[in-house]
Amino acid sequence: MTRLVRQETNGVSVHSDPILLARHGIVVAFSERSGGSSAPPYDSLNLAAHVGDEPSRVDENRDRLLAAVDLADSRKRLVTARQVHGDHVAVVGAEDAGKGAFASGGRDPIVSADAMLTTEVGLPLMLLYADCVPVVIVAADGSRGVAVAHAGWRGVLAGVPGKAVRALALETAQAPEDLYAYIGPHIGPCCYEVDEERVSQFRNTFATITAVGNGLDLAAAVREDLARAGVSRERTAAVGICTADHTERFFSYRASNVTGRHAALGAIAKGD
């Protein structure tokens, strides 16, 4: 059974799967906002370079996150992307190592991608969130690979979680049914009220979206999209915490407007 466990290292809290790491050498991690160096309103583990925080603090925070998940040796190889709320899945290879790794300079991030995947060892992939749904997909049984997806309402409607599943399955020559999926902290229907037109869009696309009120359950749509792509609910784990309702632990754009970003991280940490 796929699961996520909250772990803390030197004040940095992440939700990860220690069994996946022990058995397959693959890191999945969703960060919280504690344990960093940033000042308000980005306090304290802001990982985003584009929100107005000091670049040196962002880089220090990324150092701390990678160290907390035993990926300090891969810090310079970290890959990030310019997220555009789309559905493009970028295949990341060794030649992309270090793209967007540092807020203070260096290589530019992957251009216009809301999902990335890799089969390279020691090449951490990181995307950023402050209410949208973080998704990490893992191929562990056989050829290994990881994909990280950023699913806001536009990305969910465009099917970015399912597209990431199909792309990873193709890249690793595995059946989608053999993959695992992890859903990180995101805004819940308790705090995400939208207009009737958007609710209608989701109801017309996803059977799991009901007509009760205007609270939109993005995670339910993500689960359905993952299942359509072949990843069963038994192979899907979720943190299940609303970011807007727990701003002491997570960043939330809807609740705070000016704020930082937490991360979803995926990496093949160890060789076979």
Protein backbone atom coordinates (compact mmCIF):
# COMPACT_ATOMS: atom_id res chain seq x y z
CA MET A 1 0.00 0.00 0.00
CA THR A 2 1.42 3.38 -1.01
CA ARG A 3 1.78 5.78 1.91
CA LEU A 4 3.23 9.13 2.99
CA VAL A 5 4.83 9.80 6.37
CA ARG A 6 5.66 13.18 7.91
CA GLN A 7 9.33 13.42 8.87
CA GLU A 8 11.39 16.28 10.35
CA THR A 9 15.12 16.87 9.96
CA ASN A 10 16.78 19.96 11.46
CA GLY A 11 13.43 21.74 11.54
CA VAL A 12 12.56 20.94 7.90
CA SER A 13 9.34 18.91 7.67
CA VAL A 14 8.52 16.80 4.63
CA HIS A 15 5.96 14.17 3.73
CA SER A 16 7.70 11.21 2.11
CA ASP A 17 7.62 7.45 1.57
CA PRO A 18 10.50 5.87 3.50
CA ILE A 19 9.64 2.37 2.26
CA LEU A 20 9.92 3.50 -1.37
CA LEU A 21 13.35 4.94 -0.60
CA ALA A 22 14.56 1.85 1.25
CA ARG A 23 13.35 -0.62 -1.37
CA HIS A 24 13.89 1.28 -4.59
CA GLY A 25 16.21 4.21 -3.85
CA ILE A 26 13.58 6.77 -4.91
CA VAL A 27 12.84 9.99 -3.01
CA VAL A 28 9.36 11.51 -2.95
CA ALA A 29 8.99 14.59 -0.76
CA PHE A 30 6.43 17.34 -0.19
CA SER A 31 7.81 20.17 1.93
CA GLU A 32 6.16 22.29 4.59
CA ARG A 33 7.09 25.93 5.28
CA SER A 34 9.10 25.44 8.48
CA GLY A 35 12.86 25.21 8.95
CA GLY A 36 13.98 27.85 6.47
CA SER A 37 15.79 31.18 6.47
CA SER A 38 13.29 33.53 4.79
CA ALA A 39 11.67 36.48 6.56
CA PRO A 40 7.90 37.23 6.50
CA PRO A 41 5.82 37.02 4.39
CA TYR A 42 7.98 34.23 2.94
CA ASP A 43 8.75 32.60 6.28
CA SER A 44 10.45 30.40 6.41
CA LEU A 45 11.25 27.62 3.89
CA ASN A 46 10.27 29.48 0.74
CA LEU A 47 11.68 27.62 -2.26
CA ALA A 48 10.55 29.93 -5.08
CA ALA A 49 12.77 32.45 -6.85
CA HIS A 50 9.92 34.43 -8.44
CA VAL A 51 7.89 35.70 -5.46
CA GLY A 52 10.10 38.57 -4.26
CA ASP A 53 12.17 36.76 -1.64
CA GLU A 54 15.92 37.33 -1.39
CA PRO A 55 17.69 34.93 -3.79
CA SER A 56 20.35 34.04 -1.22
CA ARG A 57 17.68 32.94 1.23
CA VAL A 58 15.90 30.88 -1.42
CA ASP A 59 19.16 29.12 -2.21
CA GLU A 60 19.80 28.47 1.48
CA ASN A 61 16.30 27.03 1.79
CA ARG A 62 16.87 24.74 -1.18
CA ASP A 63 20.15 23.63 0.43
CA ARG A 64 18.24 22.75 3.61
CA LEU A 65 15.49 20.84 1.79
CA LEU A 66 17.93 18.75 -0.24
CA ALA A 67 19.96 18.01 2.89
CA ALA A 68 16.82 16.97 4.78
CA VAL A 69 16.06 14.29 2.19
CA ASP A 70 19.68 13.14 1.85
CA LEU A 71 20.16 14.71 -1.56
CA ALA A 72 22.79 17.30 -0.59
CA ASP A 73 25.26 15.71 -3.01
CA SER A 74 22.81 16.38 -5.86
CA ARG A 75 22.16 20.03 -4.94
CA LYS A 76 23.92 21.48 -8.01
CA ARG A 77 21.98 19.08 -10.27
CA LEU A 78 18.53 20.17 -9.05
CA VAL A 79 16.11 20.95 -11.91
CA THR A 80 13.16 23.34 -11.73
CA ALA A 81 10.76 24.71 -14.36
CA ARG A 82 8.92 27.88 -15.30
CA GLN A 83 5.36 26.78 -14.56
CA VAL A 84 2.60 28.21 -16.75
CA HIS A 85 -0.53 26.28 -15.64
CA GLY A 86 -0.36 24.15 -18.77
CA ASP A 87 -0.01 20.46 -19.58
CA HIS A 88 3.47 20.15 -21.11
CA VAL A 89 5.54 17.25 -19.74
CA ALA A 90 9.29 17.83 -20.13
CA VAL A 91 11.61 14.81 -20.31
CA VAL A 92 14.71 15.77 -18.32
CA GLY A 93 18.08 14.21 -19.09
CA ALA A 94 21.63 14.49 -17.80
CA GLU A 95 22.23 17.49 -20.07
CA ASP A 96 19.57 19.42 -18.12
CA ALA A 97 21.27 19.01 -14.73
CA GLY A 98 21.25 22.26 -12.75
CA LYS A 99 18.62 24.08 -14.80
CA GLY A 100 16.96 26.49 -12.37
CA ALA A 101 18.89 25.05 -9.43
CA PHE A 102 19.91 28.43 -8.02
CA ALA A 103 17.82 31.56 -7.50
CA SER A 104 20.95 33.72 -7.44
CA GLY A 105 22.20 32.73 -10.90
CA GLY A 106 23.28 29.83 -13.05
CA ARG A 107 21.26 27.98 -15.68
CA ASP A 108 17.70 29.02 -16.47
CA PRO A 109 14.85 26.66 -15.48
CA ILE A 110 13.16 24.32 -17.95
CA VAL A 111 10.94 26.53 -20.12
CA SER A 112 7.12 26.40 -19.85
CA ALA A 113 6.55 23.03 -18.23
CA ASP A 114 4.06 21.95 -15.58
CA ALA A 115 5.39 18.42 -15.38
CA MET A 116 8.88 16.96 -15.61
CA LEU A 117 10.11 13.39 -15.67
CA THR A 118 13.49 11.70 -15.55
CA THR A 119 15.07 8.26 -15.48
CA GLU A 120 18.49 9.66 -14.49
CA VAL A 121 20.03 8.83 -11.10
CA GLY A 122 20.90 11.84 -8.92
CA LEU A 123 18.82 14.37 -10.87
CA PRO A 124 16.24 15.83 -8.45
CA LEU A 125 13.13 17.42 -9.99
CA MET A 126 11.32 20.19 -8.09
CA LEU A 127 8.11 22.10 -8.80
CA LEU A 128 6.53 24.80 -6.61
CA TYR A 129 3.07 25.31 -5.10
CA ALA A 130 0.93 27.51 -2.89
CA ASP A 131 -2.54 25.87 -3.25
CA CYS A 132 -2.31 23.94 -6.54
CA VAL A 133 -2.11 20.16 -6.36
CA PRO A 134 1.39 18.63 -6.29
CA VAL A 135 1.65 15.17 -7.83
CA VAL A 136 4.65 12.85 -7.94
CA ILE A 137 4.46 9.66 -10.05
CA VAL A 138 6.94 6.84 -9.63
CA ALA A 139 8.05 3.87 -11.70
CA ALA A 140 9.78 1.56 -9.23
CA ASP A 141 9.16 -2.02 -10.35
CA GLY A 142 11.64 -2.51 -13.18
CA SER A 143 13.05 0.49 -15.04
CA ARG A 144 12.93 3.36 -12.58
CA GLY A 145 11.70 6.89 -13.17
CA VAL A 146 9.97 9.81 -11.48
CA ALA A 147 7.62 12.52 -12.69
CA VAL A 148 6.53 15.66 -10.86
CA ALA A 149 3.38 17.52 -11.93
CA HIS A 150 1.83 20.87 -11.00
CA ALA A 151 -1.96 20.71 -11.20
CA GLY A 152 -3.90 23.93 -10.81
CA TRP A 153 -7.46 24.04 -12.07
CA ARG A 154 -6.32 24.68 -15.65
CA GLY A 155 -3.78 21.87 -15.50
CA VAL A 156 -6.33 19.47 -14.04
CA LEU A 157 -8.82 20.25 -16.80
CA ALA A 158 -6.03 19.77 -19.34
CA GLY A 159 -5.22 16.39 -17.80
CA VAL A 160 -1.62 17.06 -16.76
CA PRO A 161 -1.56 14.32 -14.07
CA GLY A 162 -2.69 11.65 -16.54
CA LYS A 163 -0.34 12.93 -19.23
CA ALA A 164 2.56 12.66 -16.78
CA VAL A 165 1.55 9.06 -16.03
CA ARG A 166 1.42 8.12 -19.70
CA ALA A 167 4.72 9.87 -20.45
CA LEU A 168 6.52 8.14 -17.56
CA ALA A 169 5.06 4.76 -18.54
CA LEU A 170 6.32 5.27 -22.08
CA GLU A 171 9.77 6.43 -20.96
CA THR A 172 10.26 3.47 -18.59
CA ALA A 173 8.48 0.87 -20.76
CA GLN A 174 6.11 0.05 -17.89
CA ALA A 175 2.37 -0.32 -17.79
CA PRO A 176 0.61 2.66 -16.17
CA GLU A 177 -1.05 0.15 -13.83
CA ASP A 178 2.40 -0.60 -12.34
CA LEU A 179 3.15 3.01 -11.40
CA TYR A 180 2.60 4.75 -8.04
CA ALA A 181 1.21 8.23 -7.43
CA TYR A 182 1.55 10.65 -4.52
CA ILE A 183 -0.62 13.74 -3.99
CA GLY A 184 0.77 16.52 -1.82
CA PRO A 185 -0.86 19.29 0.26
CA HIS A 186 -3.20 21.59 -1.65
CA ILE A 187 -6.22 23.81 -1.20
CA GLY A 188 -9.31 21.80 -0.28
CA PRO A 189 -12.96 22.26 -1.24
CA CYS A 190 -13.48 23.78 2.21
CA CYS A 191 -11.54 26.88 1.10
CA TYR A 192 -11.61 26.77 -2.71
CA GLU A 193 -14.90 28.34 -3.75
CA VAL A 194 -15.24 29.07 -7.46
CA ASP A 195 -18.00 30.33 -9.73
CA GLU A 196 -20.74 28.11 -11.14
CA GLU A 197 -19.20 28.11 -14.61
CA ARG A 198 -15.98 26.53 -13.36
CA VAL A 199 -17.84 23.98 -11.25
CA SER A 200 -19.84 23.11 -14.36
CA GLN A 201 -16.62 22.66 -16.37
CA PHE A 202 -15.36 20.15 -13.82
CA ARG A 203 -18.71 18.36 -13.48
CA ASN A 204 -18.78 17.88 -17.25
CA THR A 205 -15.26 16.44 -17.20
CA PHE A 206 -15.03 14.45 -13.97
CA ALA A 207 -17.69 12.12 -12.58
CA THR A 208 -16.41 12.62 -9.01
CA ILE A 209 -17.24 16.35 -8.97
CA THR A 210 -20.70 16.90 -7.50
CA ALA A 211 -23.08 19.84 -7.70
CA VAL A 212 -23.14 20.46 -3.93
CA GLY A 213 -22.06 24.10 -3.43
CA ASN A 214 -19.19 25.91 -5.14
CA GLY A 215 -16.33 24.30 -3.24
CA LEU A 216 -14.14 22.64 -5.86
CA ASP A 217 -12.34 19.41 -4.94
CA LEU A 218 -9.28 19.49 -7.17
CA ALA A 219 -7.77 16.38 -5.58
CA ALA A 220 -10.86 14.32 -6.45
CA ALA A 221 -10.43 15.33 -10.09
CA VAL A 222 -6.70 14.53 -9.92
CA ARG A 223 -7.42 11.07 -8.52
CA GLU A 224 -9.93 10.44 -11.28
CA ASP A 225 -7.48 11.58 -13.95
CA LEU A 226 -4.77 9.32 -12.49
CA ALA A 227 -7.20 6.39 -12.44
CA ARG A 228 -8.20 7.02 -16.05
CA ALA A 229 -4.52 6.89 -16.96
CA GLY A 230 -4.18 3.56 -15.15
CA VAL A 231 -2.92 4.30 -11.62
CA SER A 232 -5.28 2.63 -9.14
CA ARG A 233 -6.42 4.26 -5.91
CA GLU A 234 -4.60 1.50 -4.01
CA ARG A 235 -1.36 2.76 -5.58
CA THR A 236 -2.14 6.40 -4.78
CA ALA A 237 -1.29 8.15 -1.49
CA ALA A 238 -2.25 11.66 -0.42
CA VAL A 239 -1.29 14.09 2.34
CA GLY A 240 -4.89 15.32 2.59
CA ILE A 241 -4.23 18.70 4.26
CA CYS A 242 -5.73 21.98 3.04
CA THR A 243 -3.04 24.61 2.51
CA ALA A 244 -5.41 27.57 2.92
CA ASP A 245 -6.72 26.17 6.20
CA HIS A 246 -3.24 25.51 7.61
CA THR A 247 -1.14 28.53 6.69
CA GLU A 248 1.02 27.95 9.77
CA ARG A 249 2.38 24.87 7.97
CA PHE A 250 1.95 25.62 4.27
CA PHE A 251 2.00 28.54 1.87
CA SER A 252 -1.37 29.59 0.40
CA TYR A 253 -1.78 32.20 -2.30
CA ARG A 254 -5.53 32.34 -1.82
CA ALA A 255 -5.24 32.89 1.94
CA SER A 256 -2.20 35.18 1.96
CA ASN A 257 -1.68 36.53 -1.59
CA VAL A 258 1.96 37.59 -1.04
CA THR A 259 3.63 34.42 0.20
CA GLY A 260 6.25 31.78 -0.52
CA ARG A 261 6.04 28.40 -2.18
CA HIS A 262 6.54 24.88 -0.90
CA ALA A 263 7.70 22.07 -3.17
CA ALA A 264 7.17 18.63 -4.56
CA LEU A 265 10.43 16.79 -5.11
CA GLY A 266 11.14 13.54 -6.92
CA ALA A 267 14.51 11.86 -7.47
CA ILE A 268 16.16 8.53 -8.12
CA ALA A 269 18.64 8.88 -5.30
CA LYS A 270 20.57 5.64 -5.59
CA GLY A 271 21.81 3.38 -8.34
CA ASP A 272 20.55 -0.18 -8.80
